Amino acid sequence: MHIMVFEESACSHLYDNDMLSRLFPSSLGKEASEWFYSLEDQSITNYSQLKKEFVSQYQHNMKRRPTIVDLAKMKQ
């Protein structure tokens, strides 16, 4: 969700990966900023890689749609 909101707010730079990489850290909260600045220097080389690493780090925070199994387990 964060990436989607960030890309919408940076829409004028959507095709400028270098600019997106530079702007992205300013969109982060405290915990995510700490994660970002703890990355090893030069370990991220482009925005696509940054997105992938961010999602990998925070995917546990993402809400997922319920599956049919989830729905079957629901009780009223």
PDB file of N, CA and C in Angstrom:
ATOM      1  N   MET A   1       0.811  -1.182   0.000  1.00  0.00           N
ATOM      2  CA  MET A   1       0.000   0.000   0.000  1.00  0.00           C
ATOM      3  C   MET A   1       0.867   1.264   0.000  1.00  0.00           C
ATOM      4  N   HIS A   2       1.925   1.250   0.828  1.00  0.00           N
ATOM      5  CA  HIS A   2       2.790   2.430   0.907  1.00  0.00           C
ATOM      6  C   HIS A   2       3.372   2.773  -0.461  1.00  0.00           C
ATOM      7  N   ILE A   3       3.821   1.769  -1.175  1.00  0.00           N
ATOM      8  CA  ILE A   3       4.429   2.020  -2.486  1.00  0.00           C
ATOM      9  C   ILE A   3       3.399   2.604  -3.443  1.00  0.00           C
ATOM     10  N   MET A   4       2.185   2.100  -3.402  1.00  0.00           N
ATOM     11  CA  MET A   4       1.139   2.613  -4.284  1.00  0.00           C
ATOM     12  C   MET A   4       0.862   4.092  -3.985  1.00  0.00           C
ATOM     13  N   VAL A   5       0.754   4.444  -2.710  1.00  0.00           N
ATOM     14  CA  VAL A   5       0.516   5.837  -2.329  1.00  0.00           C
ATOM     15  C   VAL A   5       1.705   6.700  -2.722  1.00  0.00           C
ATOM     16  N   PHE A   6       2.914   6.203  -2.475  1.00  0.00           N
ATOM     17  CA  PHE A   6       4.117   6.950  -2.844  1.00  0.00           C
ATOM     18  C   PHE A   6       4.162   7.210  -4.344  1.00  0.00           C
ATOM     19  N   GLU A   7       3.923   6.200  -5.158  1.00  0.00           N
ATOM     20  CA  GLU A   7       3.984   6.365  -6.611  1.00  0.00           C
ATOM     21  C   GLU A   7       2.899   7.308  -7.110  1.00  0.00           C
ATOM     22  N   GLU A   8       1.735   7.286  -6.484  1.00  0.00           N
ATOM     23  CA  GLU A   8       0.681   8.232  -6.868  1.00  0.00           C
ATOM     24  C   GLU A   8       1.090   9.663  -6.546  1.00  0.00           C
ATOM     25  N   SER A   9       1.728   9.860  -5.403  1.00  0.00           N
ATOM     26  CA  SER A   9       2.137  11.214  -5.030  1.00  0.00           C
ATOM     27  C   SER A   9       3.333  11.692  -5.850  1.00  0.00           C
ATOM     28  N   ALA A  10       4.114  10.770  -6.374  1.00  0.00           N
ATOM     29  CA  ALA A  10       5.290  11.121  -7.176  1.00  0.00           C
ATOM     30  C   ALA A  10       5.022  10.907  -8.663  1.00  0.00           C
ATOM     31  N   CYS A  11       3.765  11.014  -9.060  1.00  0.00           N
ATOM     32  CA  CYS A  11       3.379  10.655 -10.434  1.00  0.00           C
ATOM     33  C   CYS A  11       4.135  11.441 -11.505  1.00  0.00           C
ATOM     34  N   SER A  12       4.552  12.675 -11.200  1.00  0.00           N
ATOM     35  CA  SER A  12       5.288  13.434 -12.213  1.00  0.00           C
ATOM     36  C   SER A  12       6.673  12.843 -12.467  1.00  0.00           C
ATOM     37  N   HIS A  13       7.132  11.961 -11.572  1.00  0.00           N
ATOM     38  CA  HIS A  13       8.442  11.327 -11.730  1.00  0.00           C
ATOM     39  C   HIS A  13       8.320   9.824 -11.955  1.00  0.00           C
ATOM     40  N   LEU A  14       7.119   9.355 -12.266  1.00  0.00           N
ATOM     41  CA  LEU A  14       6.851   7.922 -12.301  1.00  0.00           C
ATOM     42  C   LEU A  14       7.789   7.147 -13.223  1.00  0.00           C
ATOM     43  N   TYR A  15       8.282   7.772 -14.269  1.00  0.00           N
ATOM     44  CA  TYR A  15       9.160   7.058 -15.212  1.00  0.00           C
ATOM     45  C   TYR A  15      10.621   7.430 -15.024  1.00  0.00           C
ATOM     46  N   ASP A  16      10.916   8.143 -13.951  1.00  0.00           N
ATOM     47  CA  ASP A  16      12.292   8.529 -13.640  1.00  0.00           C
ATOM     48  C   ASP A  16      12.731   7.735 -12.408  1.00  0.00           C
ATOM     49  N   ASN A  17      13.284   6.554 -12.655  1.00  0.00           N
ATOM     50  CA  ASN A  17      13.645   5.657 -11.562  1.00  0.00           C
ATOM     51  C   ASN A  17      14.672   6.256 -10.607  1.00  0.00           C
ATOM     52  N   ASP A  18      15.596   7.045 -11.136  1.00  0.00           N
ATOM     53  CA  ASP A  18      16.585   7.677 -10.258  1.00  0.00           C
ATOM     54  C   ASP A  18      15.902   8.632  -9.283  1.00  0.00           C
ATOM     55  N   MET A  19      14.973   9.426  -9.785  1.00  0.00           N
ATOM     56  CA  MET A  19      14.271  10.370  -8.924  1.00  0.00           C
ATOM     57  C   MET A  19      13.400   9.643  -7.898  1.00  0.00           C
ATOM     58  N   LEU A  20      12.717   8.586  -8.318  1.00  0.00           N
ATOM     59  CA  LEU A  20      11.902   7.808  -7.384  1.00  0.00           C
ATOM     60  C   LEU A  20      12.770   7.236  -6.263  1.00  0.00           C
ATOM     61  N   SER A  21      13.946   6.757  -6.611  1.00  0.00           N
ATOM     62  CA  SER A  21      14.859   6.214  -5.603  1.00  0.00           C
ATOM     63  C   SER A  21      15.296   7.283  -4.614  1.00  0.00           C
ATOM     64  N   ARG A  22      15.465   8.505  -5.095  1.00  0.00           N
ATOM     65  CA  ARG A  22      15.876   9.596  -4.210  1.00  0.00           C
ATOM     66  C   ARG A  22      14.723  10.096  -3.333  1.00  0.00           C
ATOM     67  N   LEU A  23      13.506  10.090  -3.877  1.00  0.00           N
ATOM     68  CA  LEU A  23      12.347  10.584  -3.141  1.00  0.00           C
ATOM     69  C   LEU A  23      11.799   9.581  -2.124  1.00  0.00           C
ATOM     70  N   PHE A  24      11.956   8.313  -2.419  1.00  0.00           N
ATOM     71  CA  PHE A  24      11.335   7.269  -1.597  1.00  0.00           C
ATOM     72  C   PHE A  24      11.673   7.375  -0.108  1.00  0.00           C
ATOM     73  N   PRO A  25      12.921   7.566   0.287  1.00  0.00           N
ATOM     74  CA  PRO A  25      13.220   7.626   1.726  1.00  0.00           C
ATOM     75  C   PRO A  25      12.447   8.718   2.468  1.00  0.00           C
ATOM     76  N   SER A  26      12.148   9.813   1.811  1.00  0.00           N
ATOM     77  CA  SER A  26      11.422  10.895   2.482  1.00  0.00           C
ATOM     78  C   SER A  26       9.960  10.536   2.744  1.00  0.00           C
ATOM     79  N   SER A  27       9.475   9.465   2.142  1.00  0.00           N
ATOM     80  CA  SER A  27       8.086   9.044   2.342  1.00  0.00           C
ATOM     81  C   SER A  27       7.935   8.056   3.491  1.00  0.00           C
ATOM     82  N   LEU A  28       9.043   7.640   4.069  1.00  0.00           N
ATOM     83  CA  LEU A  28       9.014   6.582   5.072  1.00  0.00           C
ATOM     84  C   LEU A  28       8.815   7.111   6.483  1.00  0.00           C
ATOM     85  N   GLY A  29       8.175   6.294   7.300  1.00  0.00           N
ATOM     86  CA  GLY A  29       8.049   6.591   8.724  1.00  0.00           C
ATOM     87  C   GLY A  29       9.326   6.201   9.451  1.00  0.00           C
ATOM     88  N   LYS A  30       9.296   6.331  10.759  1.00  0.00           N
ATOM     89  CA  LYS A  30      10.504   6.119  11.567  1.00  0.00           C
ATOM     90  C   LYS A  30      11.085   4.718  11.404  1.00  0.00           C
ATOM     91  N   GLU A  31      10.271   3.692  11.603  1.00  0.00           N
ATOM     92  CA  GLU A  31      10.776   2.318  11.529  1.00  0.00           C
ATOM     93  C   GLU A  31      11.304   1.986  10.140  1.00  0.00           C
ATOM     94  N   ALA A  32      10.548   2.361   9.124  1.00  0.00           N
ATOM     95  CA  ALA A  32      10.979   2.070   7.755  1.00  0.00           C
ATOM     96  C   ALA A  32      12.223   2.878   7.382  1.00  0.00           C
ATOM     97  N   SER A  33      12.324   4.104   7.897  1.00  0.00           N
ATOM     98  CA  SER A  33      13.533   4.900   7.650  1.00  0.00           C
ATOM     99  C   SER A  33      14.747   4.240   8.272  1.00  0.00           C
ATOM    100  N   GLU A  34      14.581   3.717   9.473  1.00  0.00           N
ATOM    101  CA  GLU A  34      15.685   3.011  10.123  1.00  0.00           C
ATOM    102  C   GLU A  34      16.108   1.806   9.299  1.00  0.00           C
ATOM    103  N   TRP A  35      15.122   1.064   8.775  1.00  0.00           N
ATOM    104  CA  TRP A  35      15.434  -0.073   7.907  1.00  0.00           C
ATOM    105  C   TRP A  35      16.205   0.415   6.683  1.00  0.00           C
ATOM    106  N   PHE A  36      15.675   1.452   6.029  1.00  0.00           N
ATOM    107  CA  PHE A  36      16.292   1.947   4.796  1.00  0.00           C
ATOM    108  C   PHE A  36      17.738   2.371   5.035  1.00  0.00           C
ATOM    109  N   TYR A  37      17.969   3.152   6.075  1.00  0.00           N
ATOM    110  CA  TYR A  37      19.315   3.661   6.320  1.00  0.00           C
ATOM    111  C   TYR A  37      20.249   2.605   6.901  1.00  0.00           C
ATOM    112  N   SER A  38      19.712   1.451   7.253  1.00  0.00           N
ATOM    113  CA  SER A  38      20.574   0.356   7.705  1.00  0.00           C
ATOM    114  C   SER A  38      21.047  -0.513   6.539  1.00  0.00           C
ATOM    115  N   LEU A  39      20.480  -0.283   5.356  1.00  0.00           N
ATOM    116  CA  LEU A  39      20.921  -1.043   4.182  1.00  0.00           C
ATOM    117  C   LEU A  39      22.385  -0.724   3.887  1.00  0.00           C
ATOM    118  N   GLU A  40      23.084  -1.723   3.440  1.00  0.00           N
ATOM    119  CA  GLU A  40      24.493  -1.541   3.106  1.00  0.00           C
ATOM    120  C   GLU A  40      24.629  -0.559   1.931  1.00  0.00           C
ATOM    121  N   ASP A  41      25.611   0.324   2.004  1.00  0.00           N
ATOM    122  CA  ASP A  41      25.850   1.287   0.920  1.00  0.00           C
ATOM    123  C   ASP A  41      25.993   0.565  -0.412  1.00  0.00           C
ATOM    124  N   GLN A  42      25.376   1.127  -1.420  1.00  0.00           N
ATOM    125  CA  GLN A  42      25.433   0.615  -2.792  1.00  0.00           C
ATOM    126  C   GLN A  42      24.776  -0.764  -2.958  1.00  0.00           C
ATOM    127  N   SER A  43      23.996  -1.212  -1.960  1.00  0.00           N
ATOM    128  CA  SER A  43      23.348  -2.519  -2.082  1.00  0.00           C
ATOM    129  C   SER A  43      22.087  -2.450  -2.940  1.00  0.00           C
ATOM    130  N   ILE A  44      21.517  -1.274  -3.096  1.00  0.00           N
ATOM    131  CA  ILE A  44      20.336  -1.057  -3.933  1.00  0.00           C
ATOM    132  C   ILE A  44      20.783  -0.233  -5.130  1.00  0.00           C
ATOM    133  N   THR A  45      20.557  -0.757  -6.317  1.00  0.00           N
ATOM    134  CA  THR A  45      21.053  -0.068  -7.512  1.00  0.00           C
ATOM    135  C   THR A  45      19.972   0.593  -8.353  1.00  0.00           C
ATOM    136  N   ASN A  46      18.685   0.275  -8.069  1.00  0.00           N
ATOM    137  CA  ASN A  46      17.610   0.899  -8.846  1.00  0.00           C
ATOM    138  C   ASN A  46      16.299   0.853  -8.062  1.00  0.00           C
ATOM    139  N   TYR A  47      15.319   1.583  -8.553  1.00  0.00           N
ATOM    140  CA  TYR A  47      14.047   1.688  -7.854  1.00  0.00           C
ATOM    141  C   TYR A  47      13.314   0.348  -7.798  1.00  0.00           C
ATOM    142  N   SER A  48      13.377  -0.434  -8.849  1.00  0.00           N
ATOM    143  CA  SER A  48      12.707  -1.744  -8.849  1.00  0.00           C
ATOM    144  C   SER A  48      13.251  -2.631  -7.738  1.00  0.00           C
ATOM    145  N   GLN A  49      14.548  -2.616  -7.563  1.00  0.00           N
ATOM    146  CA  GLN A  49      15.162  -3.401  -6.500  1.00  0.00           C
ATOM    147  C   GLN A  49      14.759  -2.852  -5.134  1.00  0.00           C
ATOM    148  N   LEU A  50      14.699  -1.540  -5.006  1.00  0.00           N
ATOM    149  CA  LEU A  50      14.278  -0.910  -3.755  1.00  0.00           C
ATOM    150  C   LEU A  50      12.854  -1.329  -3.401  1.00  0.00           C
ATOM    151  N   LYS A  51      11.956  -1.307  -4.380  1.00  0.00           N
ATOM    152  CA  LYS A  51      10.575  -1.742  -4.153  1.00  0.00           C
ATOM    153  C   LYS A  51      10.533  -3.191  -3.697  1.00  0.00           C
ATOM    154  N   LYS A  52      11.281  -4.035  -4.374  1.00  0.00           N
ATOM    155  CA  LYS A  52      11.303  -5.463  -4.049  1.00  0.00           C
ATOM    156  C   LYS A  52      11.792  -5.680  -2.617  1.00  0.00           C
ATOM    157  N   GLU A  53      12.868  -5.010  -2.244  1.00  0.00           N
ATOM    158  CA  GLU A  53      13.409  -5.151  -0.890  1.00  0.00           C
ATOM    159  C   GLU A  53      12.432  -4.618   0.152  1.00  0.00           C
ATOM    160  N   PHE A  54      11.782  -3.497  -0.143  1.00  0.00           N
ATOM    161  CA  PHE A  54      10.815  -2.908   0.783  1.00  0.00           C
ATOM    162  C   PHE A  54       9.644  -3.863   1.000  1.00  0.00           C
ATOM    163  N   VAL A  55       9.099  -4.385  -0.077  1.00  0.00           N
ATOM    164  CA  VAL A  55       7.959  -5.310   0.027  1.00  0.00           C
ATOM    165  C   VAL A  55       8.383  -6.563   0.785  1.00  0.00           C
ATOM    166  N   SER A  56       9.579  -7.069   0.499  1.00  0.00           N
ATOM    167  CA  SER A  56      10.066  -8.246   1.200  1.00  0.00           C
ATOM    168  C   SER A  56      10.179  -7.989   2.703  1.00  0.00           C
ATOM    169  N   GLN A  57      10.633  -6.802   3.057  1.00  0.00           N
ATOM    170  CA  GLN A  57      10.796  -6.442   4.464  1.00  0.00           C
ATOM    171  C   GLN A  57       9.458  -6.258   5.177  1.00  0.00           C
ATOM    172  N   TYR A  58       8.489  -5.674   4.484  1.00  0.00           N
ATOM    173  CA  TYR A  58       7.234  -5.288   5.139  1.00  0.00           C
ATOM    174  C   TYR A  58       5.997  -6.016   4.640  1.00  0.00           C
ATOM    175  N   GLN A  59       6.155  -7.091   3.896  1.00  0.00           N
ATOM    176  CA  GLN A  59       4.979  -7.783   3.365  1.00  0.00           C
ATOM    177  C   GLN A  59       4.102  -8.356   4.473  1.00  0.00           C
ATOM    178  N   HIS A  60       4.664  -8.617   5.644  1.00  0.00           N
ATOM    179  CA  HIS A  60       3.851  -9.118   6.757  1.00  0.00           C
ATOM    180  C   HIS A  60       2.847  -8.081   7.238  1.00  0.00           C
ATOM    181  N   ASN A  61       3.057  -6.807   6.895  1.00  0.00           N
ATOM    182  CA  ASN A  61       2.127  -5.746   7.275  1.00  0.00           C
ATOM    183  C   ASN A  61       1.007  -5.548   6.258  1.00  0.00           C
ATOM    184  N   MET A  62       1.136  -6.202   5.121  1.00  0.00           N
ATOM    185  CA  MET A  62       0.155  -6.013   4.050  1.00  0.00           C
ATOM    186  C   MET A  62      -1.108  -6.809   4.348  1.00  0.00           C
ATOM    187  N   LYS A  63      -2.236  -6.184   4.101  1.00  0.00           N
ATOM    188  CA  LYS A  63      -3.505  -6.888   4.249  1.00  0.00           C
ATOM    189  C   LYS A  63      -3.729  -7.718   2.989  1.00  0.00           C
ATOM    190  N   ARG A  64      -4.194  -8.918   3.198  1.00  0.00           N
ATOM    191  CA  ARG A  64      -4.476  -9.763   2.042  1.00  0.00           C
ATOM    192  C   ARG A  64      -5.969 -10.034   1.971  1.00  0.00           C
ATOM    193  N   ARG A  65      -6.410 -10.332   0.795  1.00  0.00           N
ATOM    194  CA  ARG A  65      -7.822 -10.664   0.621  1.00  0.00           C
ATOM    195  C   ARG A  65      -8.070 -12.044   1.211  1.00  0.00           C
ATOM    196  N   PRO A  66      -9.237 -12.234   1.832  1.00  0.00           N
ATOM    197  CA  PRO A  66      -9.520 -13.550   2.401  1.00  0.00           C
ATOM    198  C   PRO A  66      -9.686 -14.599   1.304  1.00  0.00           C
ATOM    199  N   THR A  67      -9.200 -15.790   1.582  1.00  0.00           N
ATOM    200  CA  THR A  67      -9.346 -16.901   0.642  1.00  0.00           C
ATOM    201  C   THR A  67     -10.673 -17.596   0.912  1.00  0.00           C
ATOM    202  N   ILE A  68     -11.018 -18.523   0.066  1.00  0.00           N
ATOM    203  CA  ILE A  68     -12.241 -19.299   0.253  1.00  0.00           C
ATOM    204  C   ILE A  68     -12.156 -20.104   1.548  1.00  0.00           C
ATOM    205  N   VAL A  69     -10.959 -20.540   1.908  1.00  0.00           N
ATOM    206  CA  VAL A  69     -10.763 -21.282   3.156  1.00  0.00           C
ATOM    207  C   VAL A  69     -11.033 -20.358   4.348  1.00  0.00           C
ATOM    208  N   ASP A  70     -10.524 -19.125   4.289  1.00  0.00           N
ATOM    209  CA  ASP A  70     -10.786 -18.156   5.356  1.00  0.00           C
ATOM    210  C   ASP A  70     -12.283 -17.944   5.522  1.00  0.00           C
ATOM    211  N   LEU A  71     -12.979 -17.790   4.405  1.00  0.00           N
ATOM    212  CA  LEU A  71     -14.416 -17.552   4.446  1.00  0.00           C
ATOM    213  C   LEU A  71     -15.167 -18.755   5.000  1.00  0.00           C
ATOM    214  N   ALA A  72     -14.708 -19.960   4.652  1.00  0.00           N
ATOM    215  CA  ALA A  72     -15.376 -21.170   5.132  1.00  0.00           C
ATOM    216  C   ALA A  72     -15.210 -21.327   6.639  1.00  0.00           C
ATOM    217  N   LYS A  73     -14.137 -20.821   7.202  1.00  0.00           N
ATOM    218  CA  LYS A  73     -13.891 -20.932   8.641  1.00  0.00           C
ATOM    219  C   LYS A  73     -14.653 -19.898   9.460  1.00  0.00           C
ATOM    220  N   MET A  74     -15.240 -18.930   8.803  1.00  0.00           N
ATOM    221  CA  MET A  74     -15.958 -17.876   9.528  1.00  0.00           C
ATOM    222  C   MET A  74     -17.245 -18.433  10.151  1.00  0.00           C
ATOM    223  N   LYS A  75     -17.538 -17.891  11.321  1.00  0.00           N
ATOM    224  CA  LYS A  75     -18.783 -18.289  12.015  1.00  0.00           C
ATOM    225  C   LYS A  75     -19.559 -17.035  12.355  1.00  0.00           C
ATOM    226  N   GLN A  76     -20.874 -17.174  12.374  1.00  0.00           N
ATOM    227  CA  GLN A  76     -21.731 -16.044  12.729  1.00  0.00           C
ATOM    228  C   GLN A  76     -22.066 -16.066  14.187  1.00  0.00           C
TER     229      GLN A  76
END
